[in-house]
Amino acid sequence: MAGIFSRLSVLLLCFSGAFFSFGNAQIKAYNIDYNWDSPDKYINSFAAPGKWADANPKELMRWYEDLGCNAVHSFGVSCNGYAWYKGGKVVPTQPGLKYDLLPEMVRIGNEKNMKVFAYFCVGANTKWGLEHPELSYGTPSAPHIPFTLEYIEYLCASIKEAIEIAKPHGIMLDWIWTPAGNSLNGAPKPLRWLECERKMYFELTGKQFPGKENISASDEAEFRRLSIDRLWKSVYETVKSADPNCLIWITNENVNSPDVAGSVMFAQADWLMNEHGDAKKTRAMRKMVKRGAKLITCLAAWNGSNPFSTAADALKNGVGLYGFAKPSDGFLRKPVSYYLNADISALKGDELNIAVLARVFNGRKLDR
């Protein structure tokens, strides 16, 4: 590990400036993640509506600034299906939302030269699942929504509303998967072929649904890809029509999945992130994106990546860095000073990842 420390110490010199233009800048991003809570408190592992509703945008943005971020993943609509801005007509606000969170974070971001992205979970929305059981595989904390025309209309209206109200610098899109279609190991789970999916089959292929017993693996794979492509086309047009300068950040934990490999959405995205974090796959994404698009890799406890080697590779190859974790101290994490001053060799999991990012983002050495 000492070798990685020394390499990072040199590379940090190239990463410690104020990278706000994003012309040739590397992205320094984080998210204190309000999507999740303990599974025994709600019908799934997503946070119940109104959880974290006391989040203070000034304190949040101060924490991100202390961390050294130049980009922030905030929320448009989180996985529970409620919005983090007030005054919307398409999506109801998180119950009890104390502050107009997303618009305030964008306002502060403009003052601090920090880009603020509005997050949307494409493949899961508990509220949608509860209200449209015929258009959903229930309400698990996993992708569960077939990309019907009804859902695409709702999603695009939600995104348009957030852009018009909050004016974020970008939209972050997560879980762009058909139901249960994001397996990292092996083939995705078979579709159930709900009535709405059978209707989609005709819409997407021009053929009548032949029955579950007559659907081949290749037929189902093509249906998944067509479903994602149709949704993406509408989302892309919605974002760029609402604000041509609004960036689109896609996060994906399996960029080589047959459902999305070679997808036009990767070619059109402004920022593309390998959430799985492995350096080889992240570097390989360069052939998937357009000229000038930004690549990002992820430090998160779930993906098991080594934060030292991942950070070193990202710095060496001009790849952005991002991390996320659930709140641990109210709606925040511990003060950034804790992560900067702690004995880094004694930290684990999310705390270690944050400590690495805090040092890298602030141009500090890791050899302590």
Foldseek 3Di string as FASTA:
>chain_A
DVVLLVLLLVLLVVQADQQLVLQLHFFQEEEQDQQADPQVPDVEGGDDQQALLAPDLVVVVVLCVLLQGQEYEDAQAHQQQAGLAPDDDLHHHRPPNPDRRLLVNQVVCVVVSHAYAHEDELQHHQVCCVVCVLQWPHHYPARTGQLFPVSLVSVLVSVLRCCVPRVGQAYEYERLFHGQQQDPPDGGDDDPCRVRLQVLLCVQPVDHRPDPVPQDPVNRLVSLLSRSLVSLVSNVCSVCVSPVSHAYEYEGQHCPRSSHPLHVSLAPHQEYEHALQDLVVQVVSVVNYHPNRAYEYEAALVNPDDLSVSVSSCSVVSHHYYYYHHDDDSRHHPRLVCLCPDLLVPDDGPSNNSSSSSCSSNSHRNPD
